[in-house]
Amino acid sequence: MFLTMKITELKKELNSHPAAHLRFALPNGESIPAHAHVTEVARVDKRFIDCGGTLRSDSHCRLQTWFSDDLDHRLTAGKLAKILDMAAPVLGPEDLEVDVEHEAGFITQFPLTALDVTAGEIILRLSERHTACLAPDKCMPSKKIMSGFNPLKFDFKQPASSCCASKEN
């Protein structure tokens, strides 16, 4: 599991190398084209109910990338730092985790987990995001029930008796 980089960490590195060009490295080893730029900086606030009925919330900073046929365009670290400064009133006072939204056949979000500084370039390392059950204690079968299950001895003629079985009205 990767830790997602926070705004303060990102800004510190950007301001330390303002002339460096940025490159976004995708989890599969490919890169977003070098001439991509950040088209928006957003604060994303999500309030939701998990599958166990618990109200939850999540907030993060999203950088949206975009590129066109302008191959000479390169985003520098200093320019992104200034964009983040302009976005400060929208982002609020919290030190939010940062993710990058990119369209690669479909729009997806990648957590920003690390960055590497090389000669004249900062490589922003993106990782994968996965879904998970947030209430396994409430909606997943207990291990005790599953550990005793033997498919060779299961009576398929007997009706199911689980939380997922349909209930007649």
Protein backbone atom coordinates (compact mmCIF):
# COMPACT_ATOMS: atom_id res chain seq x y z
CA MET A 1 0.00 0.00 0.00
CA PHE A 2 1.31 3.41 -0.99
CA LEU A 3 0.99 6.61 1.01
CA THR A 4 -0.47 9.46 -0.98
CA MET A 5 1.58 12.65 -1.12
CA LYS A 6 0.10 15.76 0.49
CA ILE A 7 -0.05 19.28 -0.93
CA THR A 8 2.67 20.67 1.39
CA GLU A 9 5.13 17.93 0.38
CA LEU A 10 4.41 18.51 -3.32
CA LYS A 11 4.73 22.31 -3.08
CA LYS A 12 8.00 22.04 -1.14
CA GLU A 13 9.58 19.94 -3.91
CA LEU A 14 8.12 22.10 -6.70
CA ASN A 15 9.46 25.28 -5.09
CA SER A 16 12.88 23.66 -4.56
CA HIS A 17 13.26 23.05 -8.31
CA PRO A 18 11.15 25.74 -10.04
CA ALA A 19 12.81 25.42 -13.48
CA ALA A 20 12.43 21.64 -13.64
CA HIS A 21 10.00 20.21 -16.16
CA LEU A 22 7.33 17.85 -14.88
CA ARG A 23 6.61 14.34 -16.04
CA PHE A 24 3.79 12.13 -14.75
CA ALA A 25 4.68 8.41 -14.54
CA LEU A 26 1.68 6.06 -14.66
CA PRO A 27 1.58 2.88 -12.55
CA ASN A 28 2.12 0.68 -15.62
CA GLY A 29 5.50 2.33 -16.35
CA GLU A 30 4.23 4.54 -19.18
CA SER A 31 4.20 8.33 -18.91
CA ILE A 32 1.61 10.97 -19.61
CA PRO A 33 2.97 12.91 -22.63
CA ALA A 34 5.66 15.40 -21.59
CA HIS A 35 3.73 18.32 -23.08
CA ALA A 36 0.70 17.70 -20.81
CA HIS A 37 -0.34 20.45 -18.48
CA VAL A 38 -2.58 20.75 -15.43
CA THR A 39 -5.92 22.14 -16.59
CA GLU A 40 -7.51 22.36 -13.17
CA VAL A 41 -6.81 22.05 -9.48
CA ALA A 42 -9.84 21.00 -7.48
CA ARG A 43 -10.85 20.17 -3.97
CA VAL A 44 -12.99 17.06 -4.11
CA ASP A 45 -15.24 16.45 -1.10
CA LYS A 46 -17.12 13.18 -0.98
CA ARG A 47 -19.80 12.27 1.58
CA PHE A 48 -21.14 8.76 1.35
CA ILE A 49 -22.74 5.87 3.16
CA ASP A 50 -20.72 2.66 3.11
CA CYS A 51 -22.26 -0.78 2.65
CA GLY A 52 -22.56 -1.15 6.42
CA GLY A 53 -24.58 2.06 6.79
CA THR A 54 -21.81 4.30 8.20
CA LEU A 55 -21.68 7.93 7.03
CA ARG A 56 -18.18 8.75 5.80
CA SER A 57 -16.39 11.65 4.17
CA ASP A 58 -13.21 12.08 2.18
CA SER A 59 -11.47 15.16 0.77
CA HIS A 60 -8.49 15.48 -1.52
CA CYS A 61 -6.78 17.74 -4.05
CA ARG A 62 -7.18 16.65 -7.66
CA LEU A 63 -4.89 17.78 -10.47
CA GLN A 64 -6.44 17.22 -13.88
CA THR A 65 -4.03 16.71 -16.77
CA TRP A 66 -4.64 17.36 -20.45
CA PHE A 67 -2.56 17.47 -23.58
CA SER A 68 -3.07 18.46 -27.19
CA ASP A 69 -0.89 18.64 -30.28
CA ASP A 70 1.16 21.53 -28.83
CA LEU A 71 4.36 19.51 -28.44
CA ASP A 72 6.45 22.49 -27.34
CA HIS A 73 4.38 23.08 -24.22
CA ARG A 74 6.10 21.92 -21.01
CA LEU A 75 4.85 22.56 -17.51
CA THR A 76 7.53 23.58 -15.03
CA ALA A 77 7.56 22.92 -11.31
CA GLY A 78 7.46 26.66 -10.59
CA LYS A 79 4.37 27.13 -12.77
CA LEU A 80 2.51 24.28 -11.02
CA ALA A 81 3.52 25.72 -7.62
CA LYS A 82 1.97 29.06 -8.65
CA ILE A 83 -1.21 27.31 -9.82
CA LEU A 84 -1.43 25.54 -6.44
CA ASP A 85 -0.94 28.90 -4.68
CA MET A 86 -3.81 30.40 -6.73
CA ALA A 87 -5.97 27.40 -5.79
CA ALA A 88 -5.31 27.78 -2.04
CA PRO A 89 -8.67 29.51 -1.33
CA VAL A 90 -10.50 26.62 -3.01
CA LEU A 91 -8.38 23.90 -1.40
CA GLY A 92 -8.82 25.26 2.10
CA PRO A 93 -6.48 25.03 5.08
CA GLU A 94 -6.23 21.22 5.26
CA ASP A 95 -3.12 19.49 3.97
CA LEU A 96 -4.98 17.32 1.48
CA GLU A 97 -3.73 14.21 -0.28
CA VAL A 98 -3.10 14.74 -4.00
CA ASP A 99 -4.30 12.66 -6.91
CA VAL A 100 -4.04 13.14 -10.65
CA GLU A 101 -6.95 12.76 -13.03
CA HIS A 102 -5.95 11.64 -16.50
CA GLU A 103 -7.78 10.36 -19.55
CA ALA A 104 -6.20 7.20 -20.92
CA GLY A 105 -9.08 5.74 -22.91
CA PHE A 106 -11.29 6.62 -19.95
CA ILE A 107 -10.98 9.11 -17.12
CA THR A 108 -9.35 7.75 -14.00
CA GLN A 109 -7.66 9.06 -10.87
CA PHE A 110 -4.21 8.06 -9.73
CA PRO A 111 -2.88 8.83 -6.23
CA LEU A 112 0.39 10.79 -6.29
CA THR A 113 2.68 8.62 -4.16
CA ALA A 114 6.21 9.88 -4.79
CA LEU A 115 8.42 12.07 -6.90
CA ASP A 116 11.94 11.76 -8.21
CA VAL A 117 14.15 14.71 -9.06
CA THR A 118 16.51 14.16 -11.98
CA ALA A 119 18.59 16.55 -14.06
CA GLY A 120 16.08 19.20 -15.08
CA GLU A 121 12.99 17.07 -14.47
CA ILE A 122 10.65 16.08 -11.66
CA ILE A 123 8.95 12.74 -12.18
CA LEU A 124 5.62 12.53 -10.35
CA ARG A 125 4.99 8.86 -9.54
CA LEU A 126 1.36 7.79 -9.70
CA SER A 127 -0.06 4.58 -8.27
CA GLU A 128 -3.25 2.62 -8.70
CA ARG A 129 -6.46 3.16 -6.78
CA HIS A 130 -8.55 0.17 -5.75
CA THR A 131 -12.01 -0.31 -4.32
CA ALA A 132 -12.63 -2.15 -1.05
CA CYS A 133 -15.42 -3.07 1.30
CA LEU A 134 -15.37 -0.52 4.14
CA ALA A 135 -17.60 -2.53 6.48
CA PRO A 136 -16.48 -6.15 6.24
CA ASP A 137 -17.59 -6.80 9.81
CA LYS A 138 -21.19 -5.95 8.83
CA CYS A 139 -21.64 -7.30 5.34
CA MET A 140 -19.07 -10.03 4.75
CA PRO A 141 -19.63 -13.61 5.86
CA SER A 142 -17.69 -14.54 8.95
CA LYS A 143 -14.55 -16.60 8.45
CA LYS A 144 -15.96 -19.22 10.81
CA ILE A 145 -18.87 -19.92 8.47
CA MET A 146 -16.62 -19.95 5.40
CA SER A 147 -13.95 -22.14 7.00
CA GLY A 148 -16.44 -24.97 7.50
CA PHE A 149 -17.77 -24.81 3.94
CA ASN A 150 -17.09 -27.89 1.83
CA PRO A 151 -18.47 -27.63 -1.70
CA LEU A 152 -18.46 -31.43 -2.02
CA LYS A 153 -20.87 -31.75 0.90
CA PHE A 154 -23.08 -28.75 0.10
CA ASP A 155 -26.81 -29.50 -0.26
CA PHE A 156 -27.76 -27.50 -3.34
CA LYS A 157 -31.44 -28.42 -2.92
CA GLN A 158 -31.71 -26.53 0.38
CA PRO A 159 -32.66 -22.80 0.07
CA ALA A 160 -29.95 -20.23 0.73
CA SER A 161 -30.04 -18.43 4.08
CA SER A 162 -27.74 -15.45 3.79
CA CYS A 163 -28.07 -11.69 3.76
CA CYS A 164 -27.97 -11.78 -0.03
CA ALA A 165 -30.81 -14.30 -0.46
CA SER A 166 -34.00 -12.78 -1.81
CA LYS A 167 -36.78 -12.27 0.71
CA GLU A 168 -40.41 -12.79 -0.18
CA ASN A 169 -42.92 -10.11 0.78
